[in-house]
N, C-alpha and C. Protein backbone atom coordinates (compact mmCIF):
# COMPACT_ATOMS: atom_id res chain seq x y z
N UNK A 1 109.20 116.03 104.94
CA UNK A 1 109.07 115.96 103.48
C UNK A 1 109.90 114.79 102.96
N UNK A 2 109.33 114.08 102.03
CA UNK A 2 110.01 112.94 101.43
C UNK A 2 109.98 113.10 99.91
N UNK A 3 111.09 112.85 99.30
CA UNK A 3 111.16 112.83 97.85
C UNK A 3 111.37 111.39 97.40
N UNK A 4 110.58 110.97 96.43
CA UNK A 4 110.67 109.62 95.89
C UNK A 4 111.09 109.72 94.42
N UNK A 5 112.09 108.96 94.06
CA UNK A 5 112.58 108.97 92.69
C UNK A 5 112.66 107.53 92.18
N UNK A 6 111.86 107.25 91.16
CA UNK A 6 111.87 105.92 90.56
C UNK A 6 112.93 105.85 89.45
N UNK A 7 113.42 104.66 89.24
CA UNK A 7 114.36 104.41 88.15
C UNK A 7 114.29 102.94 87.78
N UNK A 8 114.92 102.61 86.66
CA UNK A 8 115.01 101.22 86.26
C UNK A 8 114.08 100.81 85.14
N UNK A 9 113.22 101.71 84.72
CA UNK A 9 112.32 101.38 83.63
C UNK A 9 113.07 101.29 82.31
N UNK A 10 112.36 100.81 81.30
CA UNK A 10 112.97 100.70 79.98
C UNK A 10 112.15 99.86 79.06
N UNK A 11 112.75 99.53 77.93
CA UNK A 11 112.10 98.69 76.92
C UNK A 11 112.65 97.28 77.04
N UNK A 12 111.74 96.33 77.25
CA UNK A 12 112.13 94.93 77.38
C UNK A 12 111.22 94.09 76.51
N UNK A 13 111.58 92.83 76.36
CA UNK A 13 110.75 91.91 75.60
C UNK A 13 109.88 91.07 76.53
N UNK A 14 108.81 90.58 75.99
CA UNK A 14 107.94 89.70 76.77
C UNK A 14 108.73 88.52 77.32
N UNK A 15 108.49 88.23 78.58
CA UNK A 15 109.21 87.17 79.24
C UNK A 15 110.42 87.62 80.03
N UNK A 16 110.86 88.84 79.78
CA UNK A 16 112.02 89.38 80.49
C UNK A 16 111.66 89.76 81.92
N UNK A 17 112.69 90.09 82.67
CA UNK A 17 112.53 90.59 84.03
C UNK A 17 113.08 92.00 84.12
N UNK A 18 112.60 92.72 85.11
CA UNK A 18 113.04 94.10 85.31
C UNK A 18 112.91 94.42 86.79
N UNK A 19 113.85 95.20 87.28
CA UNK A 19 113.76 95.65 88.67
C UNK A 19 113.72 97.17 88.70
N UNK A 20 112.66 97.67 89.27
CA UNK A 20 112.50 99.11 89.44
C UNK A 20 112.95 99.50 90.84
N UNK A 21 113.48 100.70 90.95
CA UNK A 21 113.91 101.22 92.23
C UNK A 21 113.13 102.47 92.57
N UNK A 22 112.93 102.67 93.86
CA UNK A 22 112.28 103.88 94.37
C UNK A 22 113.15 104.37 95.52
N UNK A 23 113.94 105.39 95.24
CA UNK A 23 114.84 105.93 96.24
C UNK A 23 114.16 107.06 96.99
N UNK A 24 114.18 106.96 98.30
CA UNK A 24 113.56 107.98 99.14
C UNK A 24 114.63 108.86 99.77
N UNK A 25 114.35 110.13 99.83
CA UNK A 25 115.27 111.05 100.50
C UNK A 25 114.46 111.99 101.37
N UNK A 26 115.09 112.53 102.35
CA UNK A 26 114.45 113.48 103.23
C UNK A 26 113.94 112.85 104.51
N UNK A 27 113.54 111.60 104.43
CA UNK A 27 113.04 110.91 105.61
C UNK A 27 113.00 109.43 105.28
N UNK A 28 113.23 108.61 106.26
CA UNK A 28 113.24 107.19 105.99
C UNK A 28 111.87 106.70 105.53
N UNK A 29 111.86 105.83 104.52
CA UNK A 29 110.60 105.31 104.03
C UNK A 29 109.98 104.33 105.01
N UNK A 30 110.75 103.91 106.02
CA UNK A 30 110.23 102.89 106.94
C UNK A 30 109.11 103.40 107.82
N UNK A 31 108.87 104.70 107.83
CA UNK A 31 107.75 105.22 108.59
C UNK A 31 106.46 105.22 107.77
N UNK A 32 106.54 104.74 106.54
CA UNK A 32 105.39 104.72 105.65
C UNK A 32 105.16 103.32 105.09
N UNK A 33 103.91 103.08 104.71
CA UNK A 33 103.64 101.94 103.86
C UNK A 33 104.09 102.33 102.45
N UNK A 34 104.74 101.45 101.78
CA UNK A 34 105.24 101.75 100.44
C UNK A 34 104.48 100.93 99.40
N UNK A 35 104.06 101.59 98.37
CA UNK A 35 103.17 100.98 97.38
C UNK A 35 103.65 101.31 95.97
N UNK A 36 103.50 100.37 95.07
CA UNK A 36 103.74 100.59 93.65
C UNK A 36 102.41 100.59 92.92
N UNK A 37 102.23 101.58 92.07
CA UNK A 37 101.09 101.66 91.16
C UNK A 37 101.62 101.71 89.73
N UNK A 38 100.72 101.54 88.81
CA UNK A 38 101.08 101.76 87.41
C UNK A 38 99.89 102.36 86.68
N UNK A 39 100.19 103.01 85.59
CA UNK A 39 99.13 103.59 84.77
C UNK A 39 99.51 103.47 83.31
N UNK A 40 98.68 102.76 82.58
CA UNK A 40 98.87 102.61 81.15
C UNK A 40 98.10 103.70 80.42
N UNK A 41 98.50 104.02 79.21
CA UNK A 41 97.80 105.07 78.46
C UNK A 41 96.31 104.78 78.33
N UNK A 42 95.51 105.77 78.66
CA UNK A 42 94.07 105.63 78.54
C UNK A 42 93.40 104.79 79.60
N UNK A 43 94.18 104.35 80.59
CA UNK A 43 93.61 103.51 81.65
C UNK A 43 93.77 104.18 83.00
N UNK A 44 92.99 103.69 83.96
CA UNK A 44 93.10 104.22 85.30
C UNK A 44 94.34 103.65 86.00
N UNK A 45 94.75 104.37 87.00
CA UNK A 45 95.88 103.91 87.79
C UNK A 45 95.54 102.58 88.46
N UNK A 46 96.49 101.69 88.48
CA UNK A 46 96.26 100.34 88.97
C UNK A 46 97.25 100.01 90.08
N UNK A 47 96.74 99.40 91.15
CA UNK A 47 97.59 98.96 92.24
C UNK A 47 98.41 97.75 91.79
N UNK A 48 99.71 97.78 92.09
CA UNK A 48 100.59 96.67 91.72
C UNK A 48 100.95 95.84 92.94
N UNK A 49 101.60 96.47 93.90
CA UNK A 49 102.01 95.76 95.11
C UNK A 49 102.28 96.78 96.19
N UNK A 50 102.04 96.40 97.43
CA UNK A 50 102.28 97.29 98.53
C UNK A 50 102.74 96.52 99.76
N UNK A 51 103.52 97.19 100.57
CA UNK A 51 104.03 96.56 101.79
C UNK A 51 103.90 97.54 102.93
N UNK A 52 103.43 97.04 104.07
CA UNK A 52 103.31 97.89 105.24
C UNK A 52 104.70 98.19 105.80
N UNK A 53 104.77 99.26 106.55
CA UNK A 53 106.07 99.64 107.13
C UNK A 53 106.64 98.46 107.91
N UNK A 54 107.90 98.22 107.67
CA UNK A 54 108.53 97.08 108.30
C UNK A 54 108.31 95.79 107.54
N UNK A 55 107.54 95.85 106.48
CA UNK A 55 107.34 94.66 105.66
C UNK A 55 106.44 93.61 106.27
N UNK A 56 105.59 94.01 107.25
CA UNK A 56 104.78 93.03 107.91
C UNK A 56 103.74 92.38 107.02
N UNK A 57 103.11 93.17 106.18
CA UNK A 57 102.05 92.67 105.30
C UNK A 57 102.34 93.14 103.89
N UNK A 58 102.23 92.24 102.94
CA UNK A 58 102.39 92.58 101.54
C UNK A 58 101.16 92.15 100.77
N UNK A 59 100.69 93.03 99.92
CA UNK A 59 99.52 92.72 99.10
C UNK A 59 99.88 92.92 97.64
N UNK A 60 99.26 92.11 96.77
CA UNK A 60 99.58 92.13 95.36
C UNK A 60 98.32 92.38 94.53
N UNK A 61 98.49 93.10 93.46
CA UNK A 61 97.41 93.26 92.51
C UNK A 61 97.15 91.95 91.78
N UNK A 62 95.92 91.72 91.41
CA UNK A 62 95.56 90.45 90.79
C UNK A 62 96.30 90.21 89.48
N UNK A 63 96.53 91.26 88.75
CA UNK A 63 97.13 91.09 87.43
C UNK A 63 98.62 90.77 87.47
N UNK A 64 99.24 90.95 88.61
CA UNK A 64 100.68 90.73 88.71
C UNK A 64 101.04 89.67 89.74
N UNK A 65 100.06 89.16 90.43
CA UNK A 65 100.32 88.22 91.51
C UNK A 65 101.11 87.03 90.99
N UNK A 66 102.18 86.68 91.71
CA UNK A 66 103.02 85.57 91.30
C UNK A 66 104.17 85.98 90.40
N UNK A 67 104.14 87.22 89.93
CA UNK A 67 105.18 87.69 89.01
C UNK A 67 105.99 88.84 89.56
N UNK A 68 105.56 89.42 90.67
CA UNK A 68 106.27 90.57 91.22
C UNK A 68 106.56 90.36 92.69
N UNK A 69 107.62 91.01 93.13
CA UNK A 69 107.92 91.05 94.55
C UNK A 69 108.38 92.46 94.91
N UNK A 70 108.14 92.84 96.14
CA UNK A 70 108.58 94.12 96.65
C UNK A 70 109.60 93.85 97.74
N UNK A 71 110.66 94.63 97.73
CA UNK A 71 111.70 94.48 98.73
C UNK A 71 112.28 95.85 99.02
N UNK A 72 113.16 95.88 100.01
CA UNK A 72 113.73 97.17 100.38
C UNK A 72 115.15 96.99 100.89
N UNK A 73 115.89 98.07 100.79
CA UNK A 73 117.24 98.15 101.33
C UNK A 73 117.26 99.34 102.26
N UNK A 74 117.21 99.07 103.55
CA UNK A 74 117.12 100.16 104.52
C UNK A 74 118.34 101.07 104.46
N UNK A 75 119.49 100.49 104.24
CA UNK A 75 120.71 101.30 104.20
C UNK A 75 120.69 102.30 103.05
N UNK A 76 120.05 101.91 101.97
CA UNK A 76 119.95 102.79 100.80
C UNK A 76 118.65 103.57 100.77
N UNK A 77 117.78 103.30 101.75
CA UNK A 77 116.48 103.96 101.78
C UNK A 77 115.76 103.81 100.44
N UNK A 78 115.77 102.60 99.96
CA UNK A 78 115.25 102.32 98.62
C UNK A 78 114.32 101.12 98.66
N UNK A 79 113.24 101.23 97.92
CA UNK A 79 112.29 100.14 97.76
C UNK A 79 112.38 99.65 96.31
N UNK A 80 112.26 98.36 96.14
CA UNK A 80 112.41 97.77 94.81
C UNK A 80 111.13 97.05 94.39
N UNK A 81 110.92 97.03 93.11
CA UNK A 81 109.85 96.23 92.51
C UNK A 81 110.50 95.31 91.49
N UNK A 82 110.51 94.04 91.80
CA UNK A 82 111.03 93.04 90.88
C UNK A 82 109.89 92.47 90.09
N UNK A 83 109.99 92.54 88.78
CA UNK A 83 108.94 92.05 87.91
C UNK A 83 109.52 90.97 87.00
N UNK A 84 108.88 89.84 86.96
CA UNK A 84 109.31 88.71 86.14
C UNK A 84 108.24 88.33 85.13
N UNK A 85 108.64 87.59 84.14
CA UNK A 85 107.70 87.11 83.12
C UNK A 85 106.83 88.25 82.59
N UNK A 86 107.49 89.31 82.22
CA UNK A 86 106.75 90.50 81.79
C UNK A 86 105.93 90.24 80.54
N UNK A 87 104.79 90.90 80.48
CA UNK A 87 103.86 90.78 79.37
C UNK A 87 103.65 92.15 78.74
N UNK A 88 103.24 92.19 77.49
CA UNK A 88 102.96 93.49 76.87
C UNK A 88 101.95 94.32 77.67
N UNK A 89 101.01 93.66 78.31
CA UNK A 89 100.01 94.40 79.09
C UNK A 89 100.59 94.99 80.38
N UNK A 90 101.84 94.69 80.68
CA UNK A 90 102.50 95.34 81.81
C UNK A 90 103.06 96.71 81.43
N UNK A 91 102.97 97.05 80.17
CA UNK A 91 103.45 98.35 79.72
C UNK A 91 102.67 99.46 80.40
N UNK A 92 103.40 100.36 81.06
CA UNK A 92 102.78 101.43 81.83
C UNK A 92 103.87 102.30 82.43
N UNK A 93 103.45 103.40 82.99
CA UNK A 93 104.32 104.20 83.85
C UNK A 93 104.12 103.69 85.27
N UNK A 94 105.22 103.36 85.91
CA UNK A 94 105.18 102.81 87.26
C UNK A 94 105.57 103.88 88.27
N UNK A 95 104.76 103.98 89.31
CA UNK A 95 104.96 104.98 90.35
C UNK A 95 105.10 104.30 91.70
N UNK A 96 105.96 104.84 92.53
CA UNK A 96 105.95 104.43 93.93
C UNK A 96 105.32 105.56 94.74
N UNK A 97 104.73 105.16 95.85
CA UNK A 97 104.04 106.11 96.70
C UNK A 97 104.19 105.70 98.15
N UNK A 98 104.15 106.70 99.01
CA UNK A 98 104.25 106.47 100.45
C UNK A 98 102.92 106.81 101.10
N UNK A 99 102.44 105.90 101.92
CA UNK A 99 101.16 106.08 102.60
C UNK A 99 101.40 106.25 104.10
N UNK A 100 100.76 107.25 104.67
CA UNK A 100 100.99 107.52 106.09
C UNK A 100 99.97 106.80 106.97
N UNK A 101 100.00 107.11 108.25
CA UNK A 101 99.14 106.42 109.20
C UNK A 101 97.65 106.65 108.96
N UNK A 102 97.32 107.75 108.32
CA UNK A 102 95.92 108.04 108.07
C UNK A 102 95.39 107.28 106.85
N UNK A 103 96.30 106.62 106.12
CA UNK A 103 95.89 105.92 104.91
C UNK A 103 95.99 106.76 103.66
N UNK A 104 96.51 107.95 103.79
CA UNK A 104 96.64 108.84 102.65
C UNK A 104 97.99 108.64 101.96
N UNK A 105 97.94 108.67 100.64
CA UNK A 105 99.20 108.61 99.88
C UNK A 105 99.76 110.03 99.81
N UNK A 106 100.77 110.26 100.60
CA UNK A 106 101.24 111.63 100.81
C UNK A 106 102.42 111.99 99.91
N UNK A 107 103.11 111.02 99.43
CA UNK A 107 104.26 111.30 98.56
C UNK A 107 104.23 110.36 97.37
N UNK A 108 104.56 110.92 96.22
CA UNK A 108 104.60 110.17 94.97
C UNK A 108 105.90 110.46 94.24
N UNK A 109 106.38 109.45 93.54
CA UNK A 109 107.49 109.68 92.64
C UNK A 109 107.00 110.19 91.30
N UNK A 110 107.92 110.48 90.42
CA UNK A 110 107.58 111.04 89.11
C UNK A 110 107.22 109.96 88.10
N UNK A 111 107.53 108.73 88.43
CA UNK A 111 107.20 107.61 87.55
C UNK A 111 108.36 107.20 86.66
N UNK A 112 108.34 105.94 86.26
CA UNK A 112 109.32 105.43 85.32
C UNK A 112 108.59 104.55 84.30
N UNK A 113 108.91 104.74 83.05
CA UNK A 113 108.20 104.04 81.97
C UNK A 113 108.74 102.64 81.78
N UNK A 114 107.83 101.70 81.71
CA UNK A 114 108.16 100.32 81.36
C UNK A 114 107.39 99.96 80.10
N UNK A 115 108.11 99.52 79.10
CA UNK A 115 107.49 99.11 77.85
C UNK A 115 107.91 97.68 77.54
N UNK A 116 106.91 96.83 77.35
CA UNK A 116 107.17 95.42 77.08
C UNK A 116 106.71 95.11 75.66
N UNK A 117 107.65 94.70 74.83
CA UNK A 117 107.31 94.38 73.45
C UNK A 117 107.02 92.89 73.32
N UNK A 118 106.16 92.58 72.38
CA UNK A 118 105.77 91.17 72.19
C UNK A 118 106.69 90.46 71.21
C-alpha cells in the first residue's frame, strides 16, 4: 500500500513559478511510474508529465511542454513538479499518481489546488 500526499499548491500570478510535491509513504515510489495529472473545473482530467521508474523516460503534456519538469528525491521518497511561466489556464487541482507494471494507476493523491491569476 502506498499513500501519496500532494502539497505546494496555492494562488500565484501569471508568470510565476511553483513547485508541487508528492510525498509517498508505505513503499518506495521507485517501483512505480510516477505521473502528474490536473483537472480544471468542468474539464476532463489532463496528463501533465510522467516519468518511468528510475527516471528513464519522461513524457510531457502538450499544454505544459517546456514549462514543467518532474524530479524526485529518493531519500525523501518525494516526487516534484516544477512549473514555470504559469498561465491562468494552468489553474486546476493537481494530482500525482503511481502506475504499476500492468499500466494501471493504482495510487492517487488527494490533489492540491493551483490557482493562477491574470
